[in-house]
Amino acid sequence: MSFRASELARERVGAAEEDVHFPEALVRAVVAEYTSPGDVVLDPFAGFGATLVVCEQMERSAVGIELLPERVAVIRQRLDGKATVIEGDARHLGELGLGPFDLCLTSPPYMSALDQPSNPLTGYTTNDGHYPTYLAELSQVFAAVAELLRPRGHLVINAANIRNGDVVTPLAWDIAQGVAAHLSLRTETYLHWDDPPPWMSGDYCLVFQKA
């Protein structure tokens, strides 16, 4: 799949300057491929709400979890009332009484394995970042997702491999390894950007399925 960086820039919400959400065109393609109208979609890392907004447009029910209250407020302004956003920590997903879901589509916050003290799973607000712990906690989030999916339901993760100088953190593959303990990896799709950011080694959609 191919995308233009200029299109994603136009989708940025409010004062957001960083690429904190994935393109709505990608959301539409995934939702069309793996769901039908009336199905229920989860995004445990809702960001600025791209998944929820598109699901409303495509007549799918959707629930998003977002840690940062300022982003929750933005999402609520973007929705027309059919989707739901919950302010909360995805690491406590299993405690929220949600589900079942037909699809989980998300892009978790990224972390480099090299010298990154800020913790993505606290919204980069604390300096207790530790790459192995980050991966273990992501694996636990997706274990909870696996429990909430209907049989034959799908989990689709957008994740990139990250370049630091001449060293690459294989983030997408490390996430996939953790998720594979809970769900079966069905396919991977390379996302081609016309003007990728210099930190991105490769961008992917990883598709998993529940038995």
N, C-alpha and C. Protein backbone atom coordinates (compact mmCIF):
# COMPACT_ATOMS: atom_id res chain seq x y z
N MET A 1 0.84 -1.19 0.00
CA MET A 1 0.00 0.00 0.00
C MET A 1 0.88 1.24 0.00
N SER A 2 0.46 2.26 -0.73
CA SER A 2 1.26 3.48 -0.86
C SER A 2 0.52 4.68 -0.25
N PHE A 3 1.30 5.58 0.36
CA PHE A 3 0.73 6.76 1.00
C PHE A 3 1.64 7.96 0.73
N ARG A 4 1.03 9.13 0.75
CA ARG A 4 1.77 10.37 0.60
C ARG A 4 1.89 11.05 1.97
N ALA A 5 3.09 11.46 2.30
CA ALA A 5 3.31 12.15 3.57
C ALA A 5 2.48 13.42 3.66
N SER A 6 2.27 14.09 2.53
CA SER A 6 1.47 15.31 2.53
C SER A 6 0.03 15.04 2.95
N GLU A 7 -0.51 13.86 2.60
CA GLU A 7 -1.87 13.52 2.98
C GLU A 7 -1.97 13.33 4.48
N LEU A 8 -0.99 12.66 5.07
CA LEU A 8 -1.00 12.48 6.52
C LEU A 8 -0.85 13.82 7.23
N ALA A 9 -0.03 14.71 6.69
CA ALA A 9 0.14 16.02 7.30
C ALA A 9 -1.19 16.77 7.36
N ARG A 10 -2.01 16.62 6.31
CA ARG A 10 -3.30 17.31 6.30
C ARG A 10 -4.26 16.74 7.32
N GLU A 11 -4.03 15.48 7.74
CA GLU A 11 -4.92 14.85 8.71
C GLU A 11 -4.55 15.19 10.15
N ARG A 12 -3.42 15.80 10.38
CA ARG A 12 -3.02 16.13 11.74
C ARG A 12 -4.07 17.00 12.41
N VAL A 13 -4.31 16.73 13.66
CA VAL A 13 -5.40 17.37 14.37
C VAL A 13 -4.87 18.48 15.25
N GLY A 14 -5.51 19.64 15.20
CA GLY A 14 -5.15 20.74 16.09
C GLY A 14 -3.70 21.14 15.92
N ALA A 15 -2.99 21.23 17.05
CA ALA A 15 -1.60 21.69 17.04
C ALA A 15 -0.61 20.55 16.94
N ALA A 16 -1.10 19.33 16.71
CA ALA A 16 -0.18 18.19 16.65
C ALA A 16 0.81 18.36 15.51
N GLU A 17 2.08 18.23 15.81
CA GLU A 17 3.10 18.39 14.79
C GLU A 17 3.78 17.06 14.45
N GLU A 18 3.70 16.09 15.35
CA GLU A 18 4.37 14.83 15.09
C GLU A 18 3.39 13.83 14.47
N ASP A 19 3.93 12.81 13.83
CA ASP A 19 3.08 11.78 13.22
C ASP A 19 2.64 10.81 14.31
N VAL A 20 1.55 11.17 14.98
CA VAL A 20 1.10 10.39 16.12
C VAL A 20 -0.08 9.49 15.78
N HIS A 21 -0.52 9.50 14.54
CA HIS A 21 -1.59 8.61 14.15
C HIS A 21 -1.34 8.14 12.73
N PHE A 22 -1.93 7.01 12.42
CA PHE A 22 -1.72 6.46 11.10
C PHE A 22 -2.81 6.97 10.15
N PRO A 23 -2.59 6.90 8.83
CA PRO A 23 -3.48 7.58 7.89
C PRO A 23 -4.87 6.96 7.85
N GLU A 24 -5.87 7.80 7.66
CA GLU A 24 -7.24 7.32 7.61
C GLU A 24 -7.46 6.38 6.43
N ALA A 25 -6.72 6.56 5.35
CA ALA A 25 -6.84 5.64 4.21
C ALA A 25 -6.47 4.22 4.61
N LEU A 26 -5.48 4.09 5.47
CA LEU A 26 -5.10 2.77 5.96
C LEU A 26 -6.21 2.18 6.82
N VAL A 27 -6.80 3.00 7.68
CA VAL A 27 -7.90 2.54 8.51
C VAL A 27 -9.04 2.04 7.64
N ARG A 28 -9.40 2.80 6.62
CA ARG A 28 -10.50 2.40 5.73
C ARG A 28 -10.21 1.06 5.06
N ALA A 29 -8.98 0.89 4.59
CA ALA A 29 -8.64 -0.35 3.91
C ALA A 29 -8.73 -1.55 4.84
N VAL A 30 -8.23 -1.40 6.07
CA VAL A 30 -8.24 -2.51 7.02
C VAL A 30 -9.66 -2.82 7.48
N VAL A 31 -10.43 -1.78 7.80
CA VAL A 31 -11.80 -1.99 8.26
C VAL A 31 -12.63 -2.64 7.16
N ALA A 32 -12.45 -2.22 5.91
CA ALA A 32 -13.18 -2.81 4.80
C ALA A 32 -12.80 -4.27 4.59
N GLU A 33 -11.53 -4.60 4.80
CA GLU A 33 -11.05 -5.96 4.56
C GLU A 33 -11.50 -6.93 5.63
N TYR A 34 -11.53 -6.51 6.89
CA TYR A 34 -11.69 -7.47 7.97
C TYR A 34 -12.98 -7.32 8.77
N THR A 35 -13.87 -6.42 8.37
CA THR A 35 -15.14 -6.28 9.07
C THR A 35 -16.28 -6.07 8.09
N SER A 36 -17.51 -6.14 8.64
CA SER A 36 -18.73 -5.82 7.91
C SER A 36 -19.48 -4.76 8.70
N PRO A 37 -20.42 -4.03 8.04
CA PRO A 37 -21.20 -3.05 8.78
C PRO A 37 -21.85 -3.67 10.02
N GLY A 38 -21.77 -2.94 11.13
CA GLY A 38 -22.31 -3.43 12.39
C GLY A 38 -21.30 -4.14 13.25
N ASP A 39 -20.15 -4.52 12.70
CA ASP A 39 -19.11 -5.15 13.51
C ASP A 39 -18.52 -4.15 14.50
N VAL A 40 -17.79 -4.69 15.49
CA VAL A 40 -17.26 -3.87 16.57
C VAL A 40 -15.74 -3.87 16.52
N VAL A 41 -15.14 -2.67 16.58
CA VAL A 41 -13.71 -2.48 16.41
C VAL A 41 -13.14 -1.84 17.67
N LEU A 42 -11.95 -2.29 18.06
CA LEU A 42 -11.23 -1.76 19.22
C LEU A 42 -9.93 -1.12 18.79
N ASP A 43 -9.61 0.03 19.39
CA ASP A 43 -8.28 0.63 19.26
C ASP A 43 -7.78 0.97 20.66
N PRO A 44 -6.87 0.17 21.23
CA PRO A 44 -6.41 0.42 22.60
C PRO A 44 -5.40 1.55 22.72
N PHE A 45 -4.89 2.07 21.60
CA PHE A 45 -3.99 3.22 21.59
C PHE A 45 -4.59 4.24 20.61
N ALA A 46 -5.64 4.92 21.05
CA ALA A 46 -6.50 5.65 20.11
C ALA A 46 -5.86 6.90 19.54
N GLY A 47 -4.87 7.49 20.21
CA GLY A 47 -4.21 8.67 19.66
C GLY A 47 -5.16 9.84 19.50
N PHE A 48 -5.33 10.30 18.25
CA PHE A 48 -6.28 11.37 17.96
C PHE A 48 -7.55 10.84 17.32
N GLY A 49 -7.75 9.51 17.34
CA GLY A 49 -9.06 8.95 17.01
C GLY A 49 -9.30 8.56 15.57
N ALA A 50 -8.26 8.38 14.76
CA ALA A 50 -8.48 8.03 13.36
C ALA A 50 -9.33 6.78 13.20
N THR A 51 -9.05 5.74 13.99
CA THR A 51 -9.81 4.50 13.89
C THR A 51 -11.28 4.75 14.20
N LEU A 52 -11.56 5.50 15.26
CA LEU A 52 -12.94 5.72 15.69
C LEU A 52 -13.70 6.56 14.66
N VAL A 53 -13.07 7.60 14.15
CA VAL A 53 -13.72 8.48 13.18
C VAL A 53 -14.09 7.70 11.92
N VAL A 54 -13.16 6.91 11.41
CA VAL A 54 -13.42 6.16 10.18
C VAL A 54 -14.47 5.08 10.43
N CYS A 55 -14.44 4.43 11.58
CA CYS A 55 -15.45 3.41 11.86
C CYS A 55 -16.84 4.03 11.89
N GLU A 56 -16.98 5.21 12.45
CA GLU A 56 -18.28 5.88 12.40
C GLU A 56 -18.72 6.11 10.96
N GLN A 57 -17.83 6.56 10.13
CA GLN A 57 -18.15 6.81 8.73
C GLN A 57 -18.54 5.53 7.99
N MET A 58 -17.98 4.40 8.41
CA MET A 58 -18.21 3.12 7.72
C MET A 58 -19.25 2.24 8.43
N GLU A 59 -19.98 2.82 9.37
CA GLU A 59 -21.08 2.13 10.04
C GLU A 59 -20.60 0.91 10.82
N ARG A 60 -19.47 1.06 11.47
CA ARG A 60 -18.98 0.08 12.43
C ARG A 60 -19.03 0.70 13.83
N SER A 61 -19.31 -0.10 14.82
CA SER A 61 -19.19 0.36 16.19
C SER A 61 -17.71 0.34 16.57
N ALA A 62 -17.28 1.25 17.43
CA ALA A 62 -15.86 1.32 17.78
C ALA A 62 -15.69 1.81 19.20
N VAL A 63 -14.65 1.28 19.85
CA VAL A 63 -14.26 1.69 21.19
C VAL A 63 -12.76 1.97 21.16
N GLY A 64 -12.37 3.12 21.69
CA GLY A 64 -10.96 3.46 21.78
C GLY A 64 -10.55 3.72 23.21
N ILE A 65 -9.32 3.37 23.53
CA ILE A 65 -8.71 3.67 24.83
C ILE A 65 -7.58 4.66 24.57
N GLU A 66 -7.57 5.76 25.31
CA GLU A 66 -6.50 6.75 25.15
C GLU A 66 -6.07 7.23 26.53
N LEU A 67 -4.76 7.25 26.74
CA LEU A 67 -4.19 7.58 28.04
C LEU A 67 -4.23 9.08 28.34
N LEU A 68 -3.94 9.91 27.34
CA LEU A 68 -3.75 11.33 27.56
C LEU A 68 -5.08 12.08 27.50
N PRO A 69 -5.44 12.79 28.56
CA PRO A 69 -6.76 13.44 28.59
C PRO A 69 -6.95 14.48 27.50
N GLU A 70 -5.89 15.18 27.10
CA GLU A 70 -6.04 16.19 26.07
C GLU A 70 -6.40 15.56 24.72
N ARG A 71 -5.89 14.36 24.49
CA ARG A 71 -6.25 13.67 23.25
C ARG A 71 -7.67 13.10 23.34
N VAL A 72 -8.06 12.63 24.51
CA VAL A 72 -9.44 12.16 24.69
C VAL A 72 -10.41 13.28 24.35
N ALA A 73 -10.11 14.50 24.81
CA ALA A 73 -10.98 15.64 24.53
C ALA A 73 -11.07 15.91 23.04
N VAL A 74 -9.95 15.83 22.34
CA VAL A 74 -9.95 16.04 20.89
C VAL A 74 -10.79 14.98 20.20
N ILE A 75 -10.61 13.72 20.60
CA ILE A 75 -11.37 12.63 19.97
C ILE A 75 -12.87 12.86 20.15
N ARG A 76 -13.28 13.21 21.34
CA ARG A 76 -14.71 13.40 21.60
C ARG A 76 -15.29 14.51 20.74
N GLN A 77 -14.50 15.53 20.44
CA GLN A 77 -14.96 16.60 19.56
C GLN A 77 -15.10 16.11 18.11
N ARG A 78 -14.33 15.09 17.75
CA ARG A 78 -14.35 14.59 16.37
C ARG A 78 -15.47 13.58 16.12
N LEU A 79 -16.02 12.99 17.17
CA LEU A 79 -17.00 11.92 17.01
C LEU A 79 -18.42 12.48 16.97
N ASP A 80 -19.31 11.69 16.35
CA ASP A 80 -20.72 12.11 16.31
C ASP A 80 -21.59 11.32 17.26
N GLY A 81 -20.98 10.53 18.14
CA GLY A 81 -21.73 9.83 19.18
C GLY A 81 -21.89 8.35 18.99
N LYS A 82 -21.48 7.82 17.84
CA LYS A 82 -21.62 6.38 17.58
C LYS A 82 -20.45 5.58 18.14
N ALA A 83 -19.28 6.17 18.19
CA ALA A 83 -18.10 5.52 18.75
C ALA A 83 -17.87 6.02 20.17
N THR A 84 -17.07 5.26 20.91
CA THR A 84 -16.82 5.57 22.32
C THR A 84 -15.32 5.66 22.56
N VAL A 85 -14.88 6.68 23.28
CA VAL A 85 -13.49 6.76 23.71
C VAL A 85 -13.46 6.76 25.23
N ILE A 86 -12.56 5.98 25.79
CA ILE A 86 -12.40 5.84 27.23
C ILE A 86 -11.02 6.35 27.61
N GLU A 87 -10.96 7.26 28.58
CA GLU A 87 -9.67 7.70 29.08
C GLU A 87 -9.12 6.63 30.01
N GLY A 88 -8.01 6.03 29.64
CA GLY A 88 -7.48 4.94 30.45
C GLY A 88 -6.18 4.43 29.89
N ASP A 89 -5.61 3.47 30.59
CA ASP A 89 -4.31 2.89 30.27
C ASP A 89 -4.55 1.53 29.61
N ALA A 90 -4.06 1.38 28.39
CA ALA A 90 -4.25 0.12 27.67
C ALA A 90 -3.70 -1.08 28.42
N ARG A 91 -2.76 -0.84 29.32
CA ARG A 91 -2.21 -1.96 30.09
C ARG A 91 -3.22 -2.55 31.06
N HIS A 92 -4.36 -1.86 31.26
CA HIS A 92 -5.43 -2.35 32.12
C HIS A 92 -6.67 -2.70 31.30
N LEU A 93 -6.47 -3.00 30.03
CA LEU A 93 -7.58 -3.27 29.11
C LEU A 93 -8.49 -4.37 29.63
N GLY A 94 -7.91 -5.43 30.15
CA GLY A 94 -8.70 -6.57 30.59
C GLY A 94 -9.60 -6.28 31.78
N GLU A 95 -9.38 -5.14 32.44
CA GLU A 95 -10.17 -4.78 33.62
C GLU A 95 -11.36 -3.88 33.29
N LEU A 96 -11.56 -3.53 32.01
CA LEU A 96 -12.55 -2.53 31.64
C LEU A 96 -13.91 -3.12 31.28
N GLY A 97 -14.02 -4.44 31.23
CA GLY A 97 -15.31 -5.07 30.94
C GLY A 97 -15.79 -4.85 29.52
N LEU A 98 -14.89 -4.80 28.56
CA LEU A 98 -15.23 -4.55 27.17
C LEU A 98 -15.33 -5.85 26.36
N GLY A 99 -15.83 -5.70 25.14
CA GLY A 99 -15.85 -6.81 24.19
C GLY A 99 -17.19 -7.51 24.14
N PRO A 100 -17.29 -8.50 23.24
CA PRO A 100 -16.25 -8.95 22.32
C PRO A 100 -16.11 -8.03 21.10
N PHE A 101 -14.97 -8.20 20.40
CA PHE A 101 -14.66 -7.38 19.24
C PHE A 101 -14.39 -8.27 18.03
N ASP A 102 -14.73 -7.73 16.86
CA ASP A 102 -14.45 -8.44 15.60
C ASP A 102 -13.05 -8.10 15.08
N LEU A 103 -12.59 -6.89 15.38
CA LEU A 103 -11.29 -6.41 14.90
C LEU A 103 -10.69 -5.49 15.94
N CYS A 104 -9.39 -5.62 16.14
CA CYS A 104 -8.61 -4.62 16.85
C CYS A 104 -7.62 -4.04 15.86
N LEU A 105 -7.69 -2.74 15.66
CA LEU A 105 -6.77 -2.03 14.76
C LEU A 105 -6.11 -0.92 15.54
N THR A 106 -4.78 -0.92 15.56
CA THR A 106 -4.09 0.06 16.40
C THR A 106 -2.66 0.27 15.92
N SER A 107 -2.08 1.36 16.39
CA SER A 107 -0.66 1.64 16.21
C SER A 107 -0.12 2.07 17.56
N PRO A 108 0.61 1.21 18.26
CA PRO A 108 1.09 1.56 19.60
C PRO A 108 2.17 2.63 19.54
N PRO A 109 2.37 3.35 20.63
CA PRO A 109 3.44 4.35 20.66
C PRO A 109 4.80 3.67 20.53
N TYR A 110 5.70 4.30 19.79
CA TYR A 110 6.96 3.68 19.43
C TYR A 110 8.04 3.92 20.48
N MET A 111 8.99 2.99 20.49
CA MET A 111 10.17 3.14 21.35
C MET A 111 11.38 2.57 20.64
N SER A 112 12.50 3.27 20.76
CA SER A 112 13.78 2.78 20.24
C SER A 112 14.48 1.95 21.31
N ALA A 113 15.21 0.95 20.87
CA ALA A 113 16.00 0.15 21.81
C ALA A 113 17.25 0.87 22.27
N LEU A 114 17.57 1.99 21.63
CA LEU A 114 18.81 2.69 21.91
C LEU A 114 18.56 3.97 22.70
N ASP A 115 18.90 3.97 23.97
CA ASP A 115 19.01 5.20 24.75
C ASP A 115 17.77 6.09 24.64
N GLN A 116 16.59 5.53 24.96
CA GLN A 116 15.37 6.33 25.01
C GLN A 116 14.80 6.24 26.42
N PRO A 117 15.04 7.23 27.27
CA PRO A 117 14.57 7.14 28.66
C PRO A 117 13.07 7.33 28.81
N SER A 118 12.43 8.12 27.92
CA SER A 118 11.00 8.38 28.08
C SER A 118 10.19 7.12 27.74
N ASN A 119 9.13 6.93 28.51
CA ASN A 119 8.34 5.70 28.42
C ASN A 119 7.12 5.91 27.52
N PRO A 120 7.03 5.23 26.38
CA PRO A 120 5.88 5.41 25.50
C PRO A 120 4.55 5.06 26.16
N LEU A 121 4.56 4.11 27.06
CA LEU A 121 3.31 3.62 27.64
C LEU A 121 2.80 4.49 28.78
N THR A 122 3.54 5.55 29.11
CA THR A 122 3.02 6.59 30.01
C THR A 122 2.82 7.89 29.24
N GLY A 123 2.72 7.80 27.92
CA GLY A 123 2.59 9.00 27.10
C GLY A 123 3.87 9.79 27.02
N TYR A 124 5.03 9.13 27.22
CA TYR A 124 6.35 9.77 27.22
C TYR A 124 6.47 10.80 28.35
N THR A 125 5.70 10.63 29.41
CA THR A 125 5.70 11.61 30.51
C THR A 125 6.63 11.20 31.65
N THR A 126 7.16 9.98 31.64
CA THR A 126 8.09 9.53 32.67
C THR A 126 9.36 9.02 32.02
N ASN A 127 10.45 9.02 32.78
CA ASN A 127 11.75 8.62 32.24
C ASN A 127 12.17 7.24 32.73
N ASP A 128 11.21 6.33 32.80
CA ASP A 128 11.49 4.96 33.21
C ASP A 128 11.42 4.00 32.03
N GLY A 129 11.70 4.52 30.84
CA GLY A 129 11.64 3.68 29.65
C GLY A 129 12.70 2.59 29.67
N HIS A 130 12.27 1.36 29.30
CA HIS A 130 13.16 0.20 29.26
C HIS A 130 12.61 -0.70 28.16
N TYR A 131 13.36 -0.86 27.08
CA TYR A 131 12.83 -1.51 25.89
C TYR A 131 12.29 -2.92 26.16
N PRO A 132 13.00 -3.80 26.86
CA PRO A 132 12.43 -5.12 27.13
C PRO A 132 11.13 -5.05 27.94
N THR A 133 11.05 -4.13 28.91
CA THR A 133 9.82 -3.98 29.69
C THR A 133 8.69 -3.47 28.80
N TYR A 134 9.00 -2.51 27.96
CA TYR A 134 8.02 -1.98 27.00
C TYR A 134 7.45 -3.10 26.14
N LEU A 135 8.32 -3.94 25.58
CA LEU A 135 7.84 -5.04 24.74
C LEU A 135 7.00 -6.04 25.54
N ALA A 136 7.42 -6.33 26.76
CA ALA A 136 6.66 -7.26 27.60
C ALA A 136 5.28 -6.71 27.92
N GLU A 137 5.20 -5.41 28.19
CA GLU A 137 3.90 -4.81 28.51
C GLU A 137 3.01 -4.73 27.28
N LEU A 138 3.58 -4.46 26.12
CA LEU A 138 2.80 -4.50 24.89
C LEU A 138 2.25 -5.90 24.65
N SER A 139 3.08 -6.91 24.89
CA SER A 139 2.62 -8.29 24.72
C SER A 139 1.44 -8.59 25.64
N GLN A 140 1.47 -8.05 26.86
CA GLN A 140 0.36 -8.24 27.79
C GLN A 140 -0.90 -7.54 27.30
N VAL A 141 -0.74 -6.34 26.72
CA VAL A 141 -1.90 -5.65 26.15
C VAL A 141 -2.54 -6.50 25.07
N PHE A 142 -1.71 -7.05 24.19
CA PHE A 142 -2.26 -7.81 23.08
C PHE A 142 -2.74 -9.20 23.51
N ALA A 143 -2.24 -9.69 24.63
CA ALA A 143 -2.83 -10.91 25.21
C ALA A 143 -4.26 -10.62 25.66
N ALA A 144 -4.48 -9.42 26.25
CA ALA A 144 -5.85 -9.03 26.63
C ALA A 144 -6.72 -8.86 25.40
N VAL A 145 -6.16 -8.27 24.33
CA VAL A 145 -6.91 -8.13 23.09
C VAL A 145 -7.33 -9.51 22.58
N ALA A 146 -6.42 -10.47 22.61
CA ALA A 146 -6.75 -11.82 22.13
C ALA A 146 -7.93 -12.40 22.88
N GLU A 147 -8.00 -12.14 24.18
CA GLU A 147 -9.13 -12.64 24.97
C GLU A 147 -10.44 -11.97 24.57
N LEU A 148 -10.38 -10.72 24.11
CA LEU A 148 -11.58 -9.96 23.79
C LEU A 148 -12.06 -10.16 22.35
N LEU A 149 -11.23 -10.73 21.49
CA LEU A 149 -11.63 -10.96 20.11
C LEU A 149 -12.59 -12.13 20.00
N ARG A 150 -13.53 -12.02 19.08
CA ARG A 150 -14.39 -13.15 18.75
C ARG A 150 -13.54 -14.22 18.04
N PRO A 151 -13.99 -15.47 18.05
CA PRO A 151 -13.29 -16.49 17.26
C PRO A 151 -13.17 -16.06 15.80
N ARG A 152 -11.99 -16.22 15.24
CA ARG A 152 -11.63 -15.83 13.88
C ARG A 152 -11.49 -14.31 13.72
N GLY A 153 -11.58 -13.57 14.83
CA GLY A 153 -11.37 -12.13 14.78
C GLY A 153 -9.92 -11.79 14.50
N HIS A 154 -9.68 -10.54 14.08
CA HIS A 154 -8.35 -10.11 13.64
C HIS A 154 -7.79 -9.00 14.53
N LEU A 155 -6.49 -9.01 14.67
CA LEU A 155 -5.72 -7.92 15.25
C LEU A 155 -4.78 -7.41 14.16
N VAL A 156 -4.86 -6.12 13.86
CA VAL A 156 -3.99 -5.50 12.86
C VAL A 156 -3.20 -4.39 13.55
N ILE A 157 -1.89 -4.51 13.51
CA ILE A 157 -0.99 -3.56 14.16
C ILE A 157 -0.17 -2.84 13.10
N ASN A 158 -0.21 -1.51 13.13
CA ASN A 158 0.70 -0.71 12.32
C ASN A 158 1.92 -0.39 13.16
N ALA A 159 3.10 -0.84 12.72
CA ALA A 159 4.34 -0.61 13.46
C ALA A 159 5.48 -0.45 12.47
N ALA A 160 6.43 0.38 12.85
CA ALA A 160 7.59 0.63 12.00
C ALA A 160 8.87 0.13 12.67
N ASN A 161 9.85 -0.20 11.86
CA ASN A 161 11.20 -0.39 12.35
C ASN A 161 11.89 0.98 12.35
N ILE A 162 12.70 1.23 13.38
CA ILE A 162 13.18 2.59 13.66
C ILE A 162 14.69 2.67 13.45
N ARG A 163 15.11 3.70 12.74
CA ARG A 163 16.54 3.91 12.47
C ARG A 163 17.10 4.96 13.41
N ASN A 164 18.22 4.63 14.06
CA ASN A 164 19.00 5.58 14.85
C ASN A 164 20.40 5.62 14.25
N GLY A 165 20.66 6.62 13.43
CA GLY A 165 21.95 6.63 12.74
C GLY A 165 22.05 5.43 11.82
N ASP A 166 23.06 4.60 12.04
CA ASP A 166 23.20 3.40 11.20
C ASP A 166 22.74 2.14 11.92
N VAL A 167 21.98 2.30 13.02
CA VAL A 167 21.46 1.16 13.78
C VAL A 167 19.94 1.16 13.68
N VAL A 168 19.36 -0.03 13.42
CA VAL A 168 17.92 -0.16 13.28
C VAL A 168 17.36 -0.97 14.46
N THR A 169 16.33 -0.42 15.12
CA THR A 169 15.56 -1.17 16.09
C THR A 169 14.44 -1.89 15.35
N PRO A 170 14.43 -3.23 15.34
CA PRO A 170 13.40 -3.96 14.59
C PRO A 170 12.08 -4.00 15.37
N LEU A 171 11.52 -2.81 15.63
CA LEU A 171 10.36 -2.71 16.50
C LEU A 171 9.18 -3.54 15.99
N ALA A 172 8.88 -3.44 14.71
CA ALA A 172 7.74 -4.19 14.18
C ALA A 172 7.93 -5.68 14.41
N TRP A 173 9.13 -6.18 14.19
CA TRP A 173 9.36 -7.63 14.34
C TRP A 173 9.37 -8.02 15.82
N ASP A 174 9.88 -7.14 16.68
CA ASP A 174 9.87 -7.45 18.12
C ASP A 174 8.44 -7.48 18.66
N ILE A 175 7.60 -6.55 18.21
CA ILE A 175 6.19 -6.58 18.60
C ILE A 175 5.53 -7.86 18.10
N ALA A 176 5.80 -8.20 16.85
CA ALA A 176 5.19 -9.40 16.26
C ALA A 176 5.57 -10.65 17.04
N GLN A 177 6.81 -10.72 17.48
CA GLN A 177 7.24 -11.89 18.25
C GLN A 177 6.44 -12.03 19.54
N GLY A 178 6.19 -10.91 20.21
CA GLY A 178 5.42 -10.97 21.44
C GLY A 178 3.96 -11.33 21.21
N VAL A 179 3.37 -10.79 20.14
CA VAL A 179 1.96 -11.06 19.86
C VAL A 179 1.76 -12.50 19.41
N ALA A 180 2.75 -13.06 18.73
CA ALA A 180 2.63 -14.42 18.20
C ALA A 180 2.45 -15.47 19.30
N ALA A 181 2.72 -15.11 20.55
CA ALA A 181 2.46 -16.03 21.65
C ALA A 181 0.97 -16.17 21.93
N HIS A 182 0.15 -15.24 21.38
CA HIS A 182 -1.27 -15.21 21.69
C HIS A 182 -2.16 -15.37 20.47
N LEU A 183 -1.68 -14.97 19.30
CA LEU A 183 -2.47 -15.00 18.07
C LEU A 183 -1.57 -15.44 16.92
N SER A 184 -2.18 -15.94 15.85
CA SER A 184 -1.42 -16.42 14.69
C SER A 184 -1.18 -15.28 13.71
N LEU A 185 0.07 -15.11 13.30
CA LEU A 185 0.42 -14.11 12.30
C LEU A 185 -0.01 -14.63 10.93
N ARG A 186 -0.90 -13.88 10.26
CA ARG A 186 -1.44 -14.31 8.97
C ARG A 186 -0.71 -13.68 7.79
N THR A 187 -0.38 -12.40 7.90
CA THR A 187 0.29 -11.73 6.79
C THR A 187 0.91 -10.43 7.28
N GLU A 188 1.77 -9.87 6.46
CA GLU A 188 2.36 -8.56 6.70
C GLU A 188 2.27 -7.75 5.42
N THR A 189 2.01 -6.48 5.55
CA THR A 189 1.90 -5.59 4.39
C THR A 189 2.87 -4.45 4.58
N TYR A 190 3.70 -4.24 3.58
CA TYR A 190 4.65 -3.12 3.62
C TYR A 190 3.93 -1.85 3.18
N LEU A 191 4.06 -0.78 3.96
CA LEU A 191 3.46 0.50 3.66
C LEU A 191 4.50 1.41 3.03
N HIS A 192 4.27 1.77 1.79
CA HIS A 192 5.24 2.58 1.05
C HIS A 192 4.87 4.05 1.16
N TRP A 193 5.81 4.86 1.67
CA TRP A 193 5.63 6.31 1.78
C TRP A 193 6.46 6.99 0.70
N ASP A 194 5.87 8.01 0.07
CA ASP A 194 6.63 8.73 -0.96
C ASP A 194 7.78 9.53 -0.36
N ASP A 195 7.60 9.97 0.89
CA ASP A 195 8.63 10.77 1.55
C ASP A 195 8.71 10.34 3.02
N PRO A 196 9.28 9.16 3.29
CA PRO A 196 9.29 8.65 4.66
C PRO A 196 10.19 9.50 5.56
N PRO A 197 9.85 9.60 6.84
CA PRO A 197 10.72 10.33 7.76
C PRO A 197 12.06 9.62 7.90
N PRO A 198 13.11 10.34 8.21
CA PRO A 198 14.45 9.73 8.24
C PRO A 198 14.61 8.66 9.31
N TRP A 199 13.77 8.68 10.35
CA TRP A 199 13.89 7.69 11.42
C TRP A 199 13.24 6.36 11.07
N MET A 200 12.49 6.31 9.99
CA MET A 200 11.73 5.11 9.65
C MET A 200 12.52 4.21 8.71
N SER A 201 12.80 2.99 9.15
CA SER A 201 13.47 2.01 8.30
C SER A 201 12.48 1.26 7.43
N GLY A 202 11.31 1.00 7.95
CA GLY A 202 10.25 0.32 7.21
C GLY A 202 8.96 0.36 8.00
N ASP A 203 7.83 0.52 7.31
CA ASP A 203 6.54 0.66 7.96
C ASP A 203 5.65 -0.50 7.52
N TYR A 204 4.93 -1.11 8.46
CA TYR A 204 4.22 -2.36 8.18
C TYR A 204 2.86 -2.41 8.84
N CYS A 205 1.97 -3.20 8.25
CA CYS A 205 0.77 -3.68 8.93
C CYS A 205 0.95 -5.18 9.18
N LEU A 206 0.82 -5.57 10.43
CA LEU A 206 0.94 -6.97 10.84
C LEU A 206 -0.45 -7.49 11.16
N VAL A 207 -0.86 -8.55 10.48
CA VAL A 207 -2.22 -9.07 10.61
C VAL A 207 -2.18 -10.40 11.34
N PHE A 208 -2.86 -10.44 12.50
CA PHE A 208 -2.98 -11.64 13.31
C PHE A 208 -4.43 -12.08 13.37
N GLN A 209 -4.64 -13.37 13.66
CA GLN A 209 -6.01 -13.88 13.75
C GLN A 209 -6.14 -14.85 14.91
N LYS A 210 -7.31 -14.77 15.54
CA LYS A 210 -7.64 -15.69 16.63
C LYS A 210 -8.16 -17.00 16.04
N ALA A 211 -7.83 -18.10 16.66
CA ALA A 211 -8.29 -19.41 16.17
C ALA A 211 -9.80 -19.52 16.27
